[in-house]
Amino acid sequence: MTRLFKQVKSPIVAGIVFILLLLVPACNFLEECGTCEFITVDADGNRSSGTPMFFCGDDLLERQNSSPVTVGGVTTYWECY
C-alpha cells in the first residue's frame, strides 16, 4: 500500500509544483505598468524627449510621482502614459 501511495503522490506533488511555477510570473501582471519618456524643455521652450521605456510597479510609480527639476533654465521630468 505504501508503494502505491508513493507512486500516486509523486505525480500530484509534481503537478502542484508545476502549477505554482506557472503562477509566479503572473505576479507581474498584477502590477500597474506603463510607458514613460524623459522630457527636457530648454529656456526657449524647445521640448525634446528620450526613448519611451516600459516600467511596472514601484519603478512606474517613482517616475509618475517625481517632480520636474529645473537647472540653469532647463527643466526635465518624466511623462508617463
PDB file of N, CA and C in Angstrom:
ATOM      1  N   MET A   1       0.822  -1.191   0.000  1.00  0.00           N
ATOM      2  CA  MET A   1       0.000   0.000   0.000  1.00  0.00           C
ATOM      3  C   MET A   1       0.869   1.259   0.000  1.00  0.00           C
ATOM      4  N   THR A   2       1.951   1.264   0.760  1.00  0.00           N
ATOM      5  CA  THR A   2       2.826   2.421   0.838  1.00  0.00           C
ATOM      6  C   THR A   2       3.469   2.706  -0.510  1.00  0.00           C
ATOM      7  N   ARG A   3       3.848   1.667  -1.214  1.00  0.00           N
ATOM      8  CA  ARG A   3       4.463   1.839  -2.526  1.00  0.00           C
ATOM      9  C   ARG A   3       3.471   2.478  -3.508  1.00  0.00           C
ATOM     10  N   LEU A   4       2.224   2.056  -3.477  1.00  0.00           N
ATOM     11  CA  LEU A   4       1.198   2.628  -4.342  1.00  0.00           C
ATOM     12  C   LEU A   4       0.971   4.099  -4.001  1.00  0.00           C
ATOM     13  N   PHE A   5       0.979   4.421  -2.713  1.00  0.00           N
ATOM     14  CA  PHE A   5       0.785   5.804  -2.277  1.00  0.00           C
ATOM     15  C   PHE A   5       1.914   6.702  -2.792  1.00  0.00           C
ATOM     16  N   LYS A   6       3.162   6.208  -2.747  1.00  0.00           N
ATOM     17  CA  LYS A   6       4.299   6.988  -3.233  1.00  0.00           C
ATOM     18  C   LYS A   6       4.195   7.217  -4.737  1.00  0.00           C
ATOM     19  N   GLN A   7       3.712   6.218  -5.470  1.00  0.00           N
ATOM     20  CA  GLN A   7       3.578   6.346  -6.911  1.00  0.00           C
ATOM     21  C   GLN A   7       2.500   7.368  -7.274  1.00  0.00           C
ATOM     22  N   VAL A   8       1.432   7.425  -6.504  1.00  0.00           N
ATOM     23  CA  VAL A   8       0.356   8.371  -6.764  1.00  0.00           C
ATOM     24  C   VAL A   8       0.755   9.763  -6.280  1.00  0.00           C
ATOM     25  N   LYS A   9       1.429   9.820  -5.139  1.00  0.00           N
ATOM     26  CA  LYS A   9       1.794  11.088  -4.522  1.00  0.00           C
ATOM     27  C   LYS A   9       2.789  11.868  -5.383  1.00  0.00           C
ATOM     28  N   SER A  10       3.734  11.200  -5.972  1.00  0.00           N
ATOM     29  CA  SER A  10       4.777  11.855  -6.742  1.00  0.00           C
ATOM     30  C   SER A  10       4.226  12.685  -7.911  1.00  0.00           C
ATOM     31  N   PRO A  11       3.335  12.157  -8.758  1.00  0.00           N
ATOM     32  CA  PRO A  11       2.792  12.987  -9.837  1.00  0.00           C
ATOM     33  C   PRO A  11       1.924  14.141  -9.321  1.00  0.00           C
ATOM     34  N   ILE A  12       1.266  13.939  -8.213  1.00  0.00           N
ATOM     35  CA  ILE A  12       0.430  15.002  -7.646  1.00  0.00           C
ATOM     36  C   ILE A  12       1.317  16.154  -7.173  1.00  0.00           C
ATOM     37  N   VAL A  13       2.372  15.842  -6.463  1.00  0.00           N
ATOM     38  CA  VAL A  13       3.296  16.867  -5.983  1.00  0.00           C
ATOM     39  C   VAL A  13       3.942  17.570  -7.172  1.00  0.00           C
ATOM     40  N   ALA A  14       4.350  16.819  -8.164  1.00  0.00           N
ATOM     41  CA  ALA A  14       4.960  17.409  -9.356  1.00  0.00           C
ATOM     42  C   ALA A  14       3.968  18.351 -10.046  1.00  0.00           C
ATOM     43  N   GLY A  15       2.709  17.962 -10.117  1.00  0.00           N
ATOM     44  CA  GLY A  15       1.684  18.799 -10.733  1.00  0.00           C
ATOM     45  C   GLY A  15       1.467  20.088  -9.960  1.00  0.00           C
ATOM     46  N   ILE A  16       1.447  20.001  -8.656  1.00  0.00           N
ATOM     47  CA  ILE A  16       1.255  21.178  -7.819  1.00  0.00           C
ATOM     48  C   ILE A  16       2.441  22.139  -7.975  1.00  0.00           C
ATOM     49  N   VAL A  17       3.641  21.597  -7.954  1.00  0.00           N
ATOM     50  CA  VAL A  17       4.835  22.430  -8.132  1.00  0.00           C
ATOM     51  C   VAL A  17       4.810  23.099  -9.502  1.00  0.00           C
ATOM     52  N   PHE A  18       4.427  22.368 -10.532  1.00  0.00           N
ATOM     53  CA  PHE A  18       4.353  22.909 -11.882  1.00  0.00           C
ATOM     54  C   PHE A  18       3.355  24.066 -11.960  1.00  0.00           C
ATOM     55  N   ILE A  19       2.202  23.898 -11.372  1.00  0.00           N
ATOM     56  CA  ILE A  19       1.179  24.948 -11.376  1.00  0.00           C
ATOM     57  C   ILE A  19       1.674  26.185 -10.622  1.00  0.00           C
ATOM     58  N   LEU A  20       2.338  25.993  -9.490  1.00  0.00           N
ATOM     59  CA  LEU A  20       2.865  27.127  -8.730  1.00  0.00           C
ATOM     60  C   LEU A  20       3.939  27.872  -9.523  1.00  0.00           C
ATOM     61  N   LEU A  21       4.761  27.136 -10.248  1.00  0.00           N
ATOM     62  CA  LEU A  21       5.787  27.789 -11.071  1.00  0.00           C
ATOM     63  C   LEU A  21       5.162  28.592 -12.202  1.00  0.00           C
ATOM     64  N   LEU A  22       4.041  28.151 -12.714  1.00  0.00           N
ATOM     65  CA  LEU A  22       3.350  28.906 -13.756  1.00  0.00           C
ATOM     66  C   LEU A  22       2.749  30.195 -13.211  1.00  0.00           C
ATOM     67  N   LEU A  23       2.355  30.187 -11.953  1.00  0.00           N
ATOM     68  CA  LEU A  23       1.711  31.354 -11.357  1.00  0.00           C
ATOM     69  C   LEU A  23       2.699  32.435 -10.952  1.00  0.00           C
ATOM     70  N   VAL A  24       3.940  32.085 -10.685  1.00  0.00           N
ATOM     71  CA  VAL A  24       4.922  33.069 -10.222  1.00  0.00           C
ATOM     72  C   VAL A  24       5.110  34.203 -11.227  1.00  0.00           C
ATOM     73  N   PRO A  25       5.331  33.934 -12.523  1.00  0.00           N
ATOM     74  CA  PRO A  25       5.469  35.062 -13.450  1.00  0.00           C
ATOM     75  C   PRO A  25       4.194  35.894 -13.577  1.00  0.00           C
ATOM     76  N   ALA A  26       3.070  35.328 -13.269  1.00  0.00           N
ATOM     77  CA  ALA A  26       1.808  36.049 -13.375  1.00  0.00           C
ATOM     78  C   ALA A  26       1.714  37.176 -12.355  1.00  0.00           C
ATOM     79  N   CYS A  27       2.552  37.165 -11.333  1.00  0.00           N
ATOM     80  CA  CYS A  27       2.534  38.234 -10.334  1.00  0.00           C
ATOM     81  C   CYS A  27       2.833  39.583 -10.987  1.00  0.00           C
ATOM     82  N   ASN A  28       3.649  39.601 -12.030  1.00  0.00           N
ATOM     83  CA  ASN A  28       3.943  40.855 -12.724  1.00  0.00           C
ATOM     84  C   ASN A  28       2.697  41.452 -13.351  1.00  0.00           C
ATOM     85  N   PHE A  29       1.738  40.630 -13.708  1.00  0.00           N
ATOM     86  CA  PHE A  29       0.526  41.126 -14.331  1.00  0.00           C
ATOM     87  C   PHE A  29      -0.371  41.827 -13.320  1.00  0.00           C
ATOM     88  N   LEU A  30      -0.107  41.641 -12.038  1.00  0.00           N
ATOM     89  CA  LEU A  30      -0.893  42.295 -11.009  1.00  0.00           C
ATOM     90  C   LEU A  30      -0.437  43.736 -10.794  1.00  0.00           C
ATOM     91  N   GLU A  31       0.786  44.050 -11.215  1.00  0.00           N
ATOM     92  CA  GLU A  31       1.310  45.393 -11.062  1.00  0.00           C
ATOM     93  C   GLU A  31       0.846  46.272 -12.217  1.00  0.00           C
ATOM     94  N   GLU A  32       0.694  47.543 -11.921  1.00  0.00           N
ATOM     95  CA  GLU A  32       0.356  48.504 -12.972  1.00  0.00           C
ATOM     96  C   GLU A  32       1.612  48.785 -13.786  1.00  0.00           C
ATOM     97  N   CYS A  33       1.470  48.810 -15.083  1.00  0.00           N
ATOM     98  CA  CYS A  33       2.602  49.066 -15.975  1.00  0.00           C
ATOM     99  C   CYS A  33       2.276  50.221 -16.913  1.00  0.00           C
ATOM    100  N   GLY A  34       3.318  50.855 -17.420  1.00  0.00           N
ATOM    101  CA  GLY A  34       3.120  51.956 -18.355  1.00  0.00           C
ATOM    102  C   GLY A  34       4.417  52.311 -19.049  1.00  0.00           C
ATOM    103  N   THR A  35       4.308  53.237 -19.967  1.00  0.00           N
ATOM    104  CA  THR A  35       5.461  53.698 -20.729  1.00  0.00           C
ATOM    105  C   THR A  35       5.763  55.134 -20.325  1.00  0.00           C
ATOM    106  N   CYS A  36       7.044  55.428 -20.122  1.00  0.00           N
ATOM    107  CA  CYS A  36       7.462  56.776 -19.717  1.00  0.00           C
ATOM    108  C   CYS A  36       8.567  57.275 -20.640  1.00  0.00           C
ATOM    109  N   GLU A  37       8.572  58.587 -20.826  1.00  0.00           N
ATOM    110  CA  GLU A  37       9.622  59.260 -21.590  1.00  0.00           C
ATOM    111  C   GLU A  37      10.239  60.328 -20.706  1.00  0.00           C
ATOM    112  N   PHE A  38      11.546  60.500 -20.812  1.00  0.00           N
ATOM    113  CA  PHE A  38      12.238  61.562 -20.087  1.00  0.00           C
ATOM    114  C   PHE A  38      12.208  62.807 -20.969  1.00  0.00           C
ATOM    115  N   ILE A  39      11.542  63.846 -20.498  1.00  0.00           N
ATOM    116  CA  ILE A  39      11.323  65.066 -21.279  1.00  0.00           C
ATOM    117  C   ILE A  39      12.287  66.159 -20.808  1.00  0.00           C
ATOM    118  N   THR A  40      12.836  66.893 -21.764  1.00  0.00           N
ATOM    119  CA  THR A  40      13.703  68.034 -21.478  1.00  0.00           C
ATOM    120  C   THR A  40      13.136  69.255 -22.200  1.00  0.00           C
ATOM    121  N   VAL A  41      12.969  70.348 -21.452  1.00  0.00           N
ATOM    122  CA  VAL A  41      12.480  71.603 -22.025  1.00  0.00           C
ATOM    123  C   VAL A  41      13.528  72.671 -21.707  1.00  0.00           C
ATOM    124  N   ASP A  42      14.086  73.278 -22.761  1.00  0.00           N
ATOM    125  CA  ASP A  42      15.113  74.304 -22.524  1.00  0.00           C
ATOM    126  C   ASP A  42      14.470  75.665 -22.240  1.00  0.00           C
ATOM    127  N   ALA A  43      15.318  76.677 -21.997  1.00  0.00           N
ATOM    128  CA  ALA A  43      14.849  78.012 -21.614  1.00  0.00           C
ATOM    129  C   ALA A  43      13.996  78.668 -22.695  1.00  0.00           C
ATOM    130  N   ASP A  44      14.189  78.264 -23.945  1.00  0.00           N
ATOM    131  CA  ASP A  44      13.396  78.823 -25.049  1.00  0.00           C
ATOM    132  C   ASP A  44      12.089  78.076 -25.275  1.00  0.00           C
ATOM    133  N   GLY A  45      11.843  77.034 -24.492  1.00  0.00           N
ATOM    134  CA  GLY A  45      10.611  76.254 -24.635  1.00  0.00           C
ATOM    135  C   GLY A  45      10.719  75.100 -25.617  1.00  0.00           C
ATOM    136  N   ASN A  46      11.926  74.858 -26.140  1.00  0.00           N
ATOM    137  CA  ASN A  46      12.117  73.716 -27.039  1.00  0.00           C
ATOM    138  C   ASN A  46      12.055  72.418 -26.238  1.00  0.00           C
ATOM    139  N   ARG A  47      11.237  71.524 -26.708  1.00  0.00           N
ATOM    140  CA  ARG A  47      10.992  70.273 -25.982  1.00  0.00           C
ATOM    141  C   ARG A  47      11.599  69.104 -26.743  1.00  0.00           C
ATOM    142  N   SER A  48      12.314  68.256 -26.016  1.00  0.00           N
ATOM    143  CA  SER A  48      12.827  67.019 -26.610  1.00  0.00           C
ATOM    144  C   SER A  48      12.509  65.878 -25.657  1.00  0.00           C
ATOM    145  N   SER A  49      12.352  64.694 -26.213  1.00  0.00           N
ATOM    146  CA  SER A  49      12.006  63.544 -25.377  1.00  0.00           C
ATOM    147  C   SER A  49      12.947  62.387 -25.672  1.00  0.00           C
ATOM    148  N   GLY A  50      13.160  61.598 -24.645  1.00  0.00           N
ATOM    149  CA  GLY A  50      14.003  60.417 -24.780  1.00  0.00           C
ATOM    150  C   GLY A  50      13.212  59.257 -25.350  1.00  0.00           C
ATOM    151  N   THR A  51      13.867  58.142 -25.454  1.00  0.00           N
ATOM    152  CA  THR A  51      13.234  56.925 -25.949  1.00  0.00           C
ATOM    153  C   THR A  51      12.191  56.440 -24.946  1.00  0.00           C
ATOM    154  N   PRO A  52      10.971  56.144 -25.389  1.00  0.00           N
ATOM    155  CA  PRO A  52       9.964  55.612 -24.459  1.00  0.00           C
ATOM    156  C   PRO A  52      10.443  54.295 -23.847  1.00  0.00           C
ATOM    157  N   MET A  53      10.235  54.165 -22.539  1.00  0.00           N
ATOM    158  CA  MET A  53      10.645  52.961 -21.823  1.00  0.00           C
ATOM    159  C   MET A  53       9.463  52.415 -21.031  1.00  0.00           C
ATOM    160  N   PHE A  54       9.417  51.103 -20.883  1.00  0.00           N
ATOM    161  CA  PHE A  54       8.327  50.404 -20.207  1.00  0.00           C
ATOM    162  C   PHE A  54       8.718  50.171 -18.752  1.00  0.00           C
ATOM    163  N   PHE A  55       7.836  50.551 -17.803  1.00  0.00           N
ATOM    164  CA  PHE A  55       8.074  50.364 -16.378  1.00  0.00           C
ATOM    165  C   PHE A  55       6.849  49.745 -15.717  1.00  0.00           C
ATOM    166  N   CYS A  56       7.084  49.011 -14.630  1.00  0.00           N
ATOM    167  CA  CYS A  56       5.996  48.405 -13.850  1.00  0.00           C
ATOM    168  C   CYS A  56       6.218  48.640 -12.363  1.00  0.00           C
ATOM    169  N   GLY A  57       5.125  48.584 -11.618  1.00  0.00           N
ATOM    170  CA  GLY A  57       5.178  48.619 -10.161  1.00  0.00           C
ATOM    171  C   GLY A  57       5.812  49.872  -9.603  1.00  0.00           C
ATOM    172  N   ASP A  58       6.740  49.677  -8.658  1.00  0.00           N
ATOM    173  CA  ASP A  58       7.377  50.792  -7.970  1.00  0.00           C
ATOM    174  C   ASP A  58       8.185  51.669  -8.923  1.00  0.00           C
ATOM    175  N   ASP A  59       8.791  51.059  -9.944  1.00  0.00           N
ATOM    176  CA  ASP A  59       9.557  51.851 -10.914  1.00  0.00           C
ATOM    177  C   ASP A  59       8.654  52.838 -11.641  1.00  0.00           C
ATOM    178  N   LEU A  60       7.454  52.394 -12.001  1.00  0.00           N
ATOM    179  CA  LEU A  60       6.500  53.282 -12.669  1.00  0.00           C
ATOM    180  C   LEU A  60       6.019  54.371 -11.710  1.00  0.00           C
ATOM    181  N   LEU A  61       5.659  53.984 -10.497  1.00  0.00           N
ATOM    182  CA  LEU A  61       5.172  54.960  -9.510  1.00  0.00           C
ATOM    183  C   LEU A  61       6.226  56.020  -9.207  1.00  0.00           C
ATOM    184  N   GLU A  62       7.476  55.608  -9.132  1.00  0.00           N
ATOM    185  CA  GLU A  62       8.559  56.555  -8.857  1.00  0.00           C
ATOM    186  C   GLU A  62       8.624  57.630  -9.935  1.00  0.00           C
ATOM    187  N   ARG A  63       8.477  57.244 -11.174  1.00  0.00           N
ATOM    188  CA  ARG A  63       8.536  58.206 -12.271  1.00  0.00           C
ATOM    189  C   ARG A  63       7.269  59.066 -12.337  1.00  0.00           C
ATOM    190  N   GLN A  64       6.117  58.453 -12.089  1.00  0.00           N
ATOM    191  CA  GLN A  64       4.864  59.207 -12.117  1.00  0.00           C
ATOM    192  C   GLN A  64       4.815  60.260 -11.010  1.00  0.00           C
ATOM    193  N   ASN A  65       5.414  59.949  -9.866  1.00  0.00           N
ATOM    194  CA  ASN A  65       5.351  60.849  -8.709  1.00  0.00           C
ATOM    195  C   ASN A  65       6.531  61.801  -8.606  1.00  0.00           C
ATOM    196  N   SER A  66       7.463  61.727  -9.543  1.00  0.00           N
ATOM    197  CA  SER A  66       8.629  62.614  -9.475  1.00  0.00           C
ATOM    198  C   SER A  66       8.240  64.017  -9.939  1.00  0.00           C
ATOM    199  N   SER A  67       8.893  64.994  -9.357  1.00  0.00           N
ATOM    200  CA  SER A  67       8.631  66.399  -9.690  1.00  0.00           C
ATOM    201  C   SER A  67       9.609  66.863 -10.766  1.00  0.00           C
ATOM    202  N   PRO A  68       9.191  67.838 -11.579  1.00  0.00           N
ATOM    203  CA  PRO A  68      10.119  68.407 -12.557  1.00  0.00           C
ATOM    204  C   PRO A  68      11.310  69.058 -11.854  1.00  0.00           C
ATOM    205  N   VAL A  69      12.470  68.979 -12.501  1.00  0.00           N
ATOM    206  CA  VAL A  69      13.688  69.583 -11.963  1.00  0.00           C
ATOM    207  C   VAL A  69      14.180  70.608 -12.968  1.00  0.00           C
ATOM    208  N   THR A  70      14.436  71.844 -12.483  1.00  0.00           N
ATOM    209  CA  THR A  70      14.942  72.908 -13.357  1.00  0.00           C
ATOM    210  C   THR A  70      16.331  73.319 -12.885  1.00  0.00           C
ATOM    211  N   VAL A  71      17.290  73.258 -13.807  1.00  0.00           N
ATOM    212  CA  VAL A  71      18.659  73.670 -13.534  1.00  0.00           C
ATOM    213  C   VAL A  71      19.124  74.519 -14.708  1.00  0.00           C
ATOM    214  N   GLY A  72      19.526  75.754 -14.426  1.00  0.00           N
ATOM    215  CA  GLY A  72      20.023  76.630 -15.480  1.00  0.00           C
ATOM    216  C   GLY A  72      19.023  76.882 -16.598  1.00  0.00           C
ATOM    217  N   GLY A  73      17.749  76.946 -16.273  1.00  0.00           N
ATOM    218  CA  GLY A  73      16.721  77.210 -17.272  1.00  0.00           C
ATOM    219  C   GLY A  73      16.274  75.989 -18.057  1.00  0.00           C
ATOM    220  N   VAL A  74      16.848  74.832 -17.767  1.00  0.00           N
ATOM    221  CA  VAL A  74      16.461  73.590 -18.438  1.00  0.00           C
ATOM    222  C   VAL A  74      15.661  72.743 -17.453  1.00  0.00           C
ATOM    223  N   THR A  75      14.447  72.383 -17.854  1.00  0.00           N
ATOM    224  CA  THR A  75      13.578  71.580 -16.998  1.00  0.00           C
ATOM    225  C   THR A  75      13.498  70.164 -17.544  1.00  0.00           C
ATOM    226  N   THR A  76      13.619  69.201 -16.639  1.00  0.00           N
ATOM    227  CA  THR A  76      13.483  67.790 -17.021  1.00  0.00           C
ATOM    228  C   THR A  76      12.425  67.145 -16.149  1.00  0.00           C
ATOM    229  N   TYR A  77      11.699  66.211 -16.731  1.00  0.00           N
ATOM    230  CA  TYR A  77      10.674  65.487 -15.982  1.00  0.00           C
ATOM    231  C   TYR A  77      10.305  64.209 -16.748  1.00  0.00           C
ATOM    232  N   TRP A  78       9.616  63.309 -16.046  1.00  0.00           N
ATOM    233  CA  TRP A  78       9.107  62.079 -16.665  1.00  0.00           C
ATOM    234  C   TRP A  78       7.663  62.288 -17.089  1.00  0.00           C
ATOM    235  N   GLU A  79       7.334  61.847 -18.264  1.00  0.00           N
ATOM    236  CA  GLU A  79       5.953  61.861 -18.758  1.00  0.00           C
ATOM    237  C   GLU A  79       5.552  60.410 -19.014  1.00  0.00           C
ATOM    238  N   CYS A  80       4.559  59.955 -18.266  1.00  0.00           N
ATOM    239  CA  CYS A  80       4.139  58.547 -18.364  1.00  0.00           C
ATOM    240  C   CYS A  80       2.738  58.455 -18.933  1.00  0.00           C
ATOM    241  N   TYR A  81       2.495  57.399 -19.697  1.00  0.00           N
ATOM    242  CA  TYR A  81       1.193  57.161 -20.294  1.00  0.00           C
ATOM    243  C   TYR A  81       0.915  55.692 -20.401  1.00  0.00           C
TER     244      TYR A  81
END
